[in-house]
Amino acid sequence: MNDFTVLVLAGLAGLLLGAVFFGGLWWTVRKGVASPRPAVWFLASLLMRMSLVMAGFYFVGQGDWRRLVACLVGFVIARILVTLFSARSAKEVSHAP
């Protein structure tokens, strides 16, 4: 594969990692707020999400800084997309009378 294809695949992997990380954070906040033990939810979620993302970046990067940057760009784009999606769905749900 040529360099461009590898960088695009690294960016897509970063997009997937970011979607899992920030989507998992959004899900954890929704579940943790309603839980009688929110600290357990948040700590367990943090450890799982960070482990997954660190392993993913290590696997995708393979010692090449360009792959790491492409993966990071995809990760940041996923953050923006999940933020927009969660803000839009939060507007649809109203808790006030």
PDB file of N, CA and C in Angstrom:
ATOM      1  N   MET A   1       0.836  -1.181   0.000  1.00  0.00           N
ATOM      2  CA  MET A   1       0.000   0.000   0.000  1.00  0.00           C
ATOM      3  C   MET A   1       0.879   1.242   0.000  1.00  0.00           C
ATOM      4  N   ASN A   2       0.365   2.272  -0.631  1.00  0.00           N
ATOM      5  CA  ASN A   2       1.128   3.508  -0.642  1.00  0.00           C
ATOM      6  C   ASN A   2       0.876   4.294   0.647  1.00  0.00           C
ATOM      7  N   ASP A   3       1.664   5.358   0.856  1.00  0.00           N
ATOM      8  CA  ASP A   3       1.592   6.123   2.102  1.00  0.00           C
ATOM      9  C   ASP A   3       0.237   6.777   2.312  1.00  0.00           C
ATOM     10  N   PHE A   4      -0.365   7.277   1.243  1.00  0.00           N
ATOM     11  CA  PHE A   4      -1.650   7.958   1.392  1.00  0.00           C
ATOM     12  C   PHE A   4      -2.720   7.005   1.906  1.00  0.00           C
ATOM     13  N   THR A   5      -2.767   5.803   1.366  1.00  0.00           N
ATOM     14  CA  THR A   5      -3.752   4.818   1.796  1.00  0.00           C
ATOM     15  C   THR A   5      -3.558   4.452   3.258  1.00  0.00           C
ATOM     16  N   VAL A   6      -2.313   4.292   3.675  1.00  0.00           N
ATOM     17  CA  VAL A   6      -2.018   3.954   5.063  1.00  0.00           C
ATOM     18  C   VAL A   6      -2.461   5.083   5.987  1.00  0.00           C
ATOM     19  N   LEU A   7      -2.228   6.322   5.578  1.00  0.00           N
ATOM     20  CA  LEU A   7      -2.621   7.455   6.408  1.00  0.00           C
ATOM     21  C   LEU A   7      -4.140   7.596   6.488  1.00  0.00           C
ATOM     22  N   VAL A   8      -4.831   7.327   5.394  1.00  0.00           N
ATOM     23  CA  VAL A   8      -6.299   7.376   5.419  1.00  0.00           C
ATOM     24  C   VAL A   8      -6.843   6.282   6.331  1.00  0.00           C
ATOM     25  N   LEU A   9      -6.277   5.092   6.271  1.00  0.00           N
ATOM     26  CA  LEU A   9      -6.710   4.006   7.151  1.00  0.00           C
ATOM     27  C   LEU A   9      -6.418   4.333   8.615  1.00  0.00           C
ATOM     28  N   ALA A  10      -5.280   4.974   8.873  1.00  0.00           N
ATOM     29  CA  ALA A  10      -4.959   5.390  10.242  1.00  0.00           C
ATOM     30  C   ALA A  10      -5.951   6.445  10.722  1.00  0.00           C
ATOM     31  N   GLY A  11      -6.350   7.358   9.842  1.00  0.00           N
ATOM     32  CA  GLY A  11      -7.351   8.356  10.205  1.00  0.00           C
ATOM     33  C   GLY A  11      -8.701   7.729  10.484  1.00  0.00           C
ATOM     34  N   LEU A  12      -9.078   6.745   9.695  1.00  0.00           N
ATOM     35  CA  LEU A  12     -10.342   6.037   9.940  1.00  0.00           C
ATOM     36  C   LEU A  12     -10.293   5.250  11.250  1.00  0.00           C
ATOM     37  N   ALA A  13      -9.132   4.676  11.542  1.00  0.00           N
ATOM     38  CA  ALA A  13      -8.990   3.974  12.821  1.00  0.00           C
ATOM     39  C   ALA A  13      -9.105   4.960  13.981  1.00  0.00           C
ATOM     40  N   GLY A  14      -8.532   6.152  13.826  1.00  0.00           N
ATOM     41  CA  GLY A  14      -8.666   7.179  14.849  1.00  0.00           C
ATOM     42  C   GLY A  14     -10.104   7.627  15.003  1.00  0.00           C
ATOM     43  N   LEU A  15     -10.816   7.712  13.900  1.00  0.00           N
ATOM     44  CA  LEU A  15     -12.237   8.063  13.945  1.00  0.00           C
ATOM     45  C   LEU A  15     -13.025   7.007  14.719  1.00  0.00           C
ATOM     46  N   LEU A  16     -12.732   5.746  14.478  1.00  0.00           N
ATOM     47  CA  LEU A  16     -13.393   4.663  15.194  1.00  0.00           C
ATOM     48  C   LEU A  16     -13.027   4.681  16.679  1.00  0.00           C
ATOM     49  N   LEU A  17     -11.751   4.871  16.984  1.00  0.00           N
ATOM     50  CA  LEU A  17     -11.326   4.930  18.381  1.00  0.00           C
ATOM     51  C   LEU A  17     -11.982   6.104  19.103  1.00  0.00           C
ATOM     52  N   GLY A  18     -12.047   7.243  18.432  1.00  0.00           N
ATOM     53  CA  GLY A  18     -12.683   8.409  19.040  1.00  0.00           C
ATOM     54  C   GLY A  18     -14.170   8.205  19.249  1.00  0.00           C
ATOM     55  N   ALA A  19     -14.825   7.563  18.294  1.00  0.00           N
ATOM     56  CA  ALA A  19     -16.258   7.305  18.445  1.00  0.00           C
ATOM     57  C   ALA A  19     -16.517   6.374  19.626  1.00  0.00           C
ATOM     58  N   VAL A  20     -15.687   5.374  19.783  1.00  0.00           N
ATOM     59  CA  VAL A  20     -15.843   4.454  20.913  1.00  0.00           C
ATOM     60  C   VAL A  20     -15.542   5.180  22.224  1.00  0.00           C
ATOM     61  N   PHE A  21     -14.478   5.978  22.252  1.00  0.00           N
ATOM     62  CA  PHE A  21     -14.089   6.675  23.476  1.00  0.00           C
ATOM     63  C   PHE A  21     -15.143   7.687  23.916  1.00  0.00           C
ATOM     64  N   PHE A  22     -15.495   8.598  23.022  1.00  0.00           N
ATOM     65  CA  PHE A  22     -16.425   9.665  23.394  1.00  0.00           C
ATOM     66  C   PHE A  22     -17.870   9.177  23.443  1.00  0.00           C
ATOM     67  N   GLY A  23     -18.220   8.203  22.609  1.00  0.00           N
ATOM     68  CA  GLY A  23     -19.536   7.590  22.719  1.00  0.00           C
ATOM     69  C   GLY A  23     -19.669   6.836  24.035  1.00  0.00           C
ATOM     70  N   GLY A  24     -18.604   6.159  24.439  1.00  0.00           N
ATOM     71  CA  GLY A  24     -18.608   5.477  25.732  1.00  0.00           C
ATOM     72  C   GLY A  24     -18.691   6.455  26.889  1.00  0.00           C
ATOM     73  N   LEU A  25     -18.044   7.598  26.754  1.00  0.00           N
ATOM     74  CA  LEU A  25     -18.134   8.628  27.792  1.00  0.00           C
ATOM     75  C   LEU A  25     -19.556   9.153  27.906  1.00  0.00           C
ATOM     76  N   TRP A  26     -20.181   9.398  26.778  1.00  0.00           N
ATOM     77  CA  TRP A  26     -21.566   9.892  26.763  1.00  0.00           C
ATOM     78  C   TRP A  26     -22.495   8.867  27.418  1.00  0.00           C
ATOM     79  N   TRP A  27     -22.314   7.601  27.067  1.00  0.00           N
ATOM     80  CA  TRP A  27     -23.129   6.538  27.639  1.00  0.00           C
ATOM     81  C   TRP A  27     -22.888   6.430  29.144  1.00  0.00           C
ATOM     82  N   THR A  28     -21.622   6.551  29.573  1.00  0.00           N
ATOM     83  CA  THR A  28     -21.286   6.465  30.984  1.00  0.00           C
ATOM     84  C   THR A  28     -21.920   7.594  31.786  1.00  0.00           C
ATOM     85  N   VAL A  29     -21.914   8.783  31.243  1.00  0.00           N
ATOM     86  CA  VAL A  29     -22.524   9.908  31.943  1.00  0.00           C
ATOM     87  C   VAL A  29     -24.021   9.670  32.114  1.00  0.00           C
ATOM     88  N   ARG A  30     -24.664   9.193  31.081  1.00  0.00           N
ATOM     89  CA  ARG A  30     -26.101   8.930  31.167  1.00  0.00           C
ATOM     90  C   ARG A  30     -26.404   7.848  32.199  1.00  0.00           C
ATOM     91  N   LYS A  31     -25.614   6.785  32.235  1.00  0.00           N
ATOM     92  CA  LYS A  31     -25.835   5.695  33.189  1.00  0.00           C
ATOM     93  C   LYS A  31     -25.349   6.065  34.588  1.00  0.00           C
ATOM     94  N   GLY A  32     -24.230   6.747  34.676  1.00  0.00           N
ATOM     95  CA  GLY A  32     -23.632   7.064  35.963  1.00  0.00           C
ATOM     96  C   GLY A  32     -24.440   8.039  36.784  1.00  0.00           C
ATOM     97  N   VAL A  33     -25.086   8.980  36.140  1.00  0.00           N
ATOM     98  CA  VAL A  33     -25.887   9.969  36.854  1.00  0.00           C
ATOM     99  C   VAL A  33     -27.077   9.302  37.545  1.00  0.00           C
ATOM    100  N   ALA A  34     -27.645   8.294  36.942  1.00  0.00           N
ATOM    101  CA  ALA A  34     -28.812   7.617  37.496  1.00  0.00           C
ATOM    102  C   ALA A  34     -28.430   6.477  38.441  1.00  0.00           C
ATOM    103  N   SER A  35     -27.156   6.188  38.573  1.00  0.00           N
ATOM    104  CA  SER A  35     -26.712   5.062  39.380  1.00  0.00           C
ATOM    105  C   SER A  35     -26.540   5.458  40.850  1.00  0.00           C
ATOM    106  N   PRO A  36     -26.773   4.509  41.758  1.00  0.00           N
ATOM    107  CA  PRO A  36     -26.501   4.804  43.163  1.00  0.00           C
ATOM    108  C   PRO A  36     -25.001   4.865  43.464  1.00  0.00           C
ATOM    109  N   ARG A  37     -24.177   4.301  42.568  1.00  0.00           N
ATOM    110  CA  ARG A  37     -22.721   4.342  42.730  1.00  0.00           C
ATOM    111  C   ARG A  37     -22.064   4.880  41.464  1.00  0.00           C
ATOM    112  N   PRO A  38     -22.127   6.174  41.243  1.00  0.00           N
ATOM    113  CA  PRO A  38     -21.576   6.732  40.003  1.00  0.00           C
ATOM    114  C   PRO A  38     -20.055   6.635  39.909  1.00  0.00           C
ATOM    115  N   ALA A  39     -19.366   6.642  41.040  1.00  0.00           N
ATOM    116  CA  ALA A  39     -17.902   6.575  41.000  1.00  0.00           C
ATOM    117  C   ALA A  39     -17.419   5.275  40.369  1.00  0.00           C
ATOM    118  N   VAL A  40     -18.107   4.191  40.628  1.00  0.00           N
ATOM    119  CA  VAL A  40     -17.728   2.905  40.041  1.00  0.00           C
ATOM    120  C   VAL A  40     -17.902   2.952  38.525  1.00  0.00           C
ATOM    121  N   TRP A  41     -19.015   3.516  38.077  1.00  0.00           N
ATOM    122  CA  TRP A  41     -19.257   3.642  36.629  1.00  0.00           C
ATOM    123  C   TRP A  41     -18.158   4.465  35.964  1.00  0.00           C
ATOM    124  N   PHE A  42     -17.870   5.627  36.548  1.00  0.00           N
ATOM    125  CA  PHE A  42     -16.913   6.525  35.912  1.00  0.00           C
ATOM    126  C   PHE A  42     -15.495   5.958  35.934  1.00  0.00           C
ATOM    127  N   LEU A  43     -15.091   5.355  37.033  1.00  0.00           N
ATOM    128  CA  LEU A  43     -13.744   4.793  37.110  1.00  0.00           C
ATOM    129  C   LEU A  43     -13.574   3.601  36.170  1.00  0.00           C
ATOM    130  N   ALA A  44     -14.534   2.692  36.179  1.00  0.00           N
ATOM    131  CA  ALA A  44     -14.443   1.523  35.296  1.00  0.00           C
ATOM    132  C   ALA A  44     -14.460   1.939  33.831  1.00  0.00           C
ATOM    133  N   SER A  45     -15.316   2.900  33.505  1.00  0.00           N
ATOM    134  CA  SER A  45     -15.396   3.372  32.125  1.00  0.00           C
ATOM    135  C   SER A  45     -14.094   4.039  31.695  1.00  0.00           C
ATOM    136  N   LEU A  46     -13.533   4.866  32.573  1.00  0.00           N
ATOM    137  CA  LEU A  46     -12.274   5.538  32.256  1.00  0.00           C
ATOM    138  C   LEU A  46     -11.171   4.533  31.982  1.00  0.00           C
ATOM    139  N   LEU A  47     -11.045   3.537  32.844  1.00  0.00           N
ATOM    140  CA  LEU A  47      -9.986   2.541  32.662  1.00  0.00           C
ATOM    141  C   LEU A  47     -10.167   1.742  31.375  1.00  0.00           C
ATOM    142  N   MET A  48     -11.399   1.358  31.079  1.00  0.00           N
ATOM    143  CA  MET A  48     -11.637   0.587  29.850  1.00  0.00           C
ATOM    144  C   MET A  48     -11.408   1.435  28.603  1.00  0.00           C
ATOM    145  N   ARG A  49     -11.951   2.664  28.602  1.00  0.00           N
ATOM    146  CA  ARG A  49     -11.818   3.515  27.425  1.00  0.00           C
ATOM    147  C   ARG A  49     -10.363   3.907  27.176  1.00  0.00           C
ATOM    148  N   MET A  50      -9.637   4.258  28.238  1.00  0.00           N
ATOM    149  CA  MET A  50      -8.234   4.641  28.076  1.00  0.00           C
ATOM    150  C   MET A  50      -7.380   3.460  27.614  1.00  0.00           C
ATOM    151  N   SER A  51      -7.632   2.284  28.167  1.00  0.00           N
ATOM    152  CA  SER A  51      -6.877   1.096  27.755  1.00  0.00           C
ATOM    153  C   SER A  51      -7.092   0.798  26.274  1.00  0.00           C
ATOM    154  N   LEU A  52      -8.338   0.876  25.858  1.00  0.00           N
ATOM    155  CA  LEU A  52      -8.653   0.606  24.460  1.00  0.00           C
ATOM    156  C   LEU A  52      -7.994   1.628  23.529  1.00  0.00           C
ATOM    157  N   VAL A  53      -8.081   2.898  23.882  1.00  0.00           N
ATOM    158  CA  VAL A  53      -7.525   3.944  23.019  1.00  0.00           C
ATOM    159  C   VAL A  53      -5.999   3.885  22.991  1.00  0.00           C
ATOM    160  N   MET A  54      -5.378   3.662  24.137  1.00  0.00           N
ATOM    161  CA  MET A  54      -3.916   3.574  24.157  1.00  0.00           C
ATOM    162  C   MET A  54      -3.421   2.385  23.331  1.00  0.00           C
ATOM    163  N   ALA A  55      -4.081   1.245  23.475  1.00  0.00           N
ATOM    164  CA  ALA A  55      -3.702   0.077  22.680  1.00  0.00           C
ATOM    165  C   ALA A  55      -3.948   0.335  21.196  1.00  0.00           C
ATOM    166  N   GLY A  56      -5.053   0.997  20.879  1.00  0.00           N
ATOM    167  CA  GLY A  56      -5.357   1.306  19.487  1.00  0.00           C
ATOM    168  C   GLY A  56      -4.338   2.239  18.864  1.00  0.00           C
ATOM    169  N   PHE A  57      -3.961   3.295  19.579  1.00  0.00           N
ATOM    170  CA  PHE A  57      -2.955   4.214  19.060  1.00  0.00           C
ATOM    171  C   PHE A  57      -1.609   3.511  18.894  1.00  0.00           C
ATOM    172  N   TYR A  58      -1.255   2.667  19.841  1.00  0.00           N
ATOM    173  CA  TYR A  58       0.005   1.923  19.751  1.00  0.00           C
ATOM    174  C   TYR A  58       0.006   1.008  18.535  1.00  0.00           C
ATOM    175  N   PHE A  59      -1.093   0.312  18.320  1.00  0.00           N
ATOM    176  CA  PHE A  59      -1.199  -0.614  17.193  1.00  0.00           C
ATOM    177  C   PHE A  59      -1.200   0.127  15.859  1.00  0.00           C
ATOM    178  N   VAL A  60      -1.957   1.227  15.778  1.00  0.00           N
ATOM    179  CA  VAL A  60      -2.067   1.973  14.518  1.00  0.00           C
ATOM    180  C   VAL A  60      -0.767   2.699  14.207  1.00  0.00           C
ATOM    181  N   GLY A  61      -0.151   3.297  15.218  1.00  0.00           N
ATOM    182  CA  GLY A  61       1.041   4.112  14.999  1.00  0.00           C
ATOM    183  C   GLY A  61       2.238   3.336  14.508  1.00  0.00           C
ATOM    184  N   GLN A  62       2.511   2.199  15.084  1.00  0.00           N
ATOM    185  CA  GLN A  62       3.647   1.344  14.738  1.00  0.00           C
ATOM    186  C   GLN A  62       4.949   2.131  14.580  1.00  0.00           C
ATOM    187  N   GLY A  63       5.146   3.114  15.447  1.00  0.00           N
ATOM    188  CA  GLY A  63       6.396   3.869  15.449  1.00  0.00           C
ATOM    189  C   GLY A  63       6.504   4.943  14.379  1.00  0.00           C
ATOM    190  N   ASP A  64       5.472   5.192  13.618  1.00  0.00           N
ATOM    191  CA  ASP A  64       5.498   6.213  12.569  1.00  0.00           C
ATOM    192  C   ASP A  64       4.681   7.416  13.028  1.00  0.00           C
ATOM    193  N   TRP A  65       5.336   8.562  13.123  1.00  0.00           N
ATOM    194  CA  TRP A  65       4.669   9.756  13.644  1.00  0.00           C
ATOM    195  C   TRP A  65       3.538  10.218  12.730  1.00  0.00           C
ATOM    196  N   ARG A  66       3.652   9.966  11.423  1.00  0.00           N
ATOM    197  CA  ARG A  66       2.590  10.381  10.507  1.00  0.00           C
ATOM    198  C   ARG A  66       1.314   9.586  10.738  1.00  0.00           C
ATOM    199  N   ARG A  67       1.449   8.304  11.018  1.00  0.00           N
ATOM    200  CA  ARG A  67       0.269   7.494  11.332  1.00  0.00           C
ATOM    201  C   ARG A  67      -0.381   7.963  12.634  1.00  0.00           C
ATOM    202  N   LEU A  68       0.454   8.308  13.609  1.00  0.00           N
ATOM    203  CA  LEU A  68      -0.080   8.796  14.878  1.00  0.00           C
ATOM    204  C   LEU A  68      -0.834  10.105  14.698  1.00  0.00           C
ATOM    205  N   VAL A  69      -0.299  10.988  13.877  1.00  0.00           N
ATOM    206  CA  VAL A  69      -0.976  12.264  13.628  1.00  0.00           C
ATOM    207  C   VAL A  69      -2.291  12.035  12.891  1.00  0.00           C
ATOM    208  N   ALA A  70      -2.298  11.152  11.905  1.00  0.00           N
ATOM    209  CA  ALA A  70      -3.537  10.848  11.176  1.00  0.00           C
ATOM    210  C   ALA A  70      -4.571  10.235  12.114  1.00  0.00           C
ATOM    211  N   CYS A  71      -4.126   9.359  12.993  1.00  0.00           N
ATOM    212  CA  CYS A  71      -5.028   8.744  13.965  1.00  0.00           C
ATOM    213  C   CYS A  71      -5.565   9.797  14.925  1.00  0.00           C
ATOM    214  N   LEU A  72      -4.714  10.705  15.354  1.00  0.00           N
ATOM    215  CA  LEU A  72      -5.151  11.779  16.249  1.00  0.00           C
ATOM    216  C   LEU A  72      -6.163  12.700  15.573  1.00  0.00           C
ATOM    217  N   VAL A  73      -5.962  13.005  14.315  1.00  0.00           N
ATOM    218  CA  VAL A  73      -6.915  13.844  13.572  1.00  0.00           C
ATOM    219  C   VAL A  73      -8.275  13.154  13.500  1.00  0.00           C
ATOM    220  N   GLY A  74      -8.286  11.866  13.217  1.00  0.00           N
ATOM    221  CA  GLY A  74      -9.544  11.122  13.203  1.00  0.00           C
ATOM    222  C   GLY A  74     -10.194  11.095  14.573  1.00  0.00           C
ATOM    223  N   PHE A  75      -9.397  10.978  15.616  1.00  0.00           N
ATOM    224  CA  PHE A  75      -9.900  10.967  16.989  1.00  0.00           C
ATOM    225  C   PHE A  75     -10.570  12.301  17.330  1.00  0.00           C
ATOM    226  N   VAL A  76      -9.950  13.400  16.949  1.00  0.00           N
ATOM    227  CA  VAL A  76     -10.512  14.732  17.215  1.00  0.00           C
ATOM    228  C   VAL A  76     -11.790  14.952  16.408  1.00  0.00           C
ATOM    229  N   ILE A  77     -11.812  14.501  15.172  1.00  0.00           N
ATOM    230  CA  ILE A  77     -13.026  14.622  14.360  1.00  0.00           C
ATOM    231  C   ILE A  77     -14.169  13.839  15.004  1.00  0.00           C
ATOM    232  N   ALA A  78     -13.860  12.658  15.531  1.00  0.00           N
ATOM    233  CA  ALA A  78     -14.890  11.869  16.212  1.00  0.00           C
ATOM    234  C   ALA A  78     -15.403  12.603  17.442  1.00  0.00           C
ATOM    235  N   ARG A  79     -14.525  13.297  18.149  1.00  0.00           N
ATOM    236  CA  ARG A  79     -14.954  14.071  19.313  1.00  0.00           C
ATOM    237  C   ARG A  79     -15.965  15.138  18.899  1.00  0.00           C
ATOM    238  N   ILE A  80     -15.673  15.813  17.811  1.00  0.00           N
ATOM    239  CA  ILE A  80     -16.584  16.862  17.332  1.00  0.00           C
ATOM    240  C   ILE A  80     -17.926  16.258  16.931  1.00  0.00           C
ATOM    241  N   LEU A  81     -17.889  15.138  16.215  1.00  0.00           N
ATOM    242  CA  LEU A  81     -19.133  14.502  15.763  1.00  0.00           C
ATOM    243  C   LEU A  81     -19.974  13.988  16.926  1.00  0.00           C
ATOM    244  N   VAL A  82     -19.339  13.350  17.907  1.00  0.00           N
ATOM    245  CA  VAL A  82     -20.090  12.842  19.048  1.00  0.00           C
ATOM    246  C   VAL A  82     -20.648  14.001  19.870  1.00  0.00           C
ATOM    247  N   THR A  83     -19.900  15.093  19.985  1.00  0.00           N
ATOM    248  CA  THR A  83     -20.399  16.267  20.705  1.00  0.00           C
ATOM    249  C   THR A  83     -21.618  16.851  20.010  1.00  0.00           C
ATOM    250  N   LEU A  84     -21.575  16.961  18.695  1.00  0.00           N
ATOM    251  CA  LEU A  84     -22.724  17.473  17.956  1.00  0.00           C
ATOM    252  C   LEU A  84     -23.925  16.545  18.085  1.00  0.00           C
ATOM    253  N   PHE A  85     -23.679  15.249  17.978  1.00  0.00           N
ATOM    254  CA  PHE A  85     -24.768  14.274  18.081  1.00  0.00           C
ATOM    255  C   PHE A  85     -25.400  14.295  19.470  1.00  0.00           C
ATOM    256  N   SER A  86     -24.571  14.335  20.505  1.00  0.00           N
ATOM    257  CA  SER A  86     -25.118  14.315  21.865  1.00  0.00           C
ATOM    258  C   SER A  86     -25.830  15.623  22.199  1.00  0.00           C
ATOM    259  N   ALA A  87     -25.352  16.739  21.681  1.00  0.00           N
ATOM    260  CA  ALA A  87     -26.033  18.020  21.918  1.00  0.00           C
ATOM    261  C   ALA A  87     -27.381  18.036  21.208  1.00  0.00           C
ATOM    262  N   ARG A  88     -27.436  17.490  20.025  1.00  0.00           N
ATOM    263  CA  ARG A  88     -28.694  17.444  19.274  1.00  0.00           C
ATOM    264  C   ARG A  88     -29.695  16.535  19.960  1.00  0.00           C
ATOM    265  N   SER A  89     -29.256  15.389  20.450  1.00  0.00           N
ATOM    266  CA  SER A  89     -30.188  14.485  21.120  1.00  0.00           C
ATOM    267  C   SER A  89     -30.587  15.017  22.494  1.00  0.00           C
ATOM    268  N   ALA A  90     -29.743  15.811  23.130  1.00  0.00           N
ATOM    269  CA  ALA A  90     -30.096  16.403  24.417  1.00  0.00           C
ATOM    270  C   ALA A  90     -31.168  17.476  24.253  1.00  0.00           C
ATOM    271  N   LYS A  91     -31.193  18.149  23.116  1.00  0.00           N
ATOM    272  CA  LYS A  91     -32.232  19.145  22.855  1.00  0.00           C
ATOM    273  C   LYS A  91     -33.585  18.487  22.671  1.00  0.00           C
ATOM    274  N   GLU A  92     -33.597  17.272  22.141  1.00  0.00           N
ATOM    275  CA  GLU A  92     -34.857  16.571  21.908  1.00  0.00           C
ATOM    276  C   GLU A  92     -35.478  16.076  23.208  1.00  0.00           C
ATOM    277  N   VAL A  93     -34.656  15.810  24.208  1.00  0.00           N
ATOM    278  CA  VAL A  93     -35.130  15.315  25.494  1.00  0.00           C
ATOM    279  C   VAL A  93     -35.215  16.494  26.433  1.00  0.00           C
ATOM    280  N   SER A  94     -36.388  16.773  26.899  1.00  0.00           N
ATOM    281  CA  SER A  94     -36.596  17.893  27.806  1.00  0.00           C
ATOM    282  C   SER A  94     -37.081  17.377  29.150  1.00  0.00           C
ATOM    283  N   HIS A  95     -36.406  17.804  30.210  1.00  0.00           N
ATOM    284  CA  HIS A  95     -36.800  17.391  31.554  1.00  0.00           C
ATOM    285  C   HIS A  95     -37.573  18.465  32.265  1.00  0.00           C
ATOM    286  N   ALA A  96     -37.642  19.640  31.697  1.00  0.00           N
ATOM    287  CA  ALA A  96     -38.374  20.748  32.328  1.00  0.00           C
ATOM    288  C   ALA A  96     -39.833  20.724  31.862  1.00  0.00           C
ATOM    289  N   PRO A  97     -40.734  21.163  32.716  1.00  0.00           N
ATOM    290  CA  PRO A  97     -42.151  21.169  32.313  1.00  0.00           C
ATOM    291  C   PRO A  97     -42.445  22.230  31.283  1.00  0.00           C
TER     292      PRO A  97
END
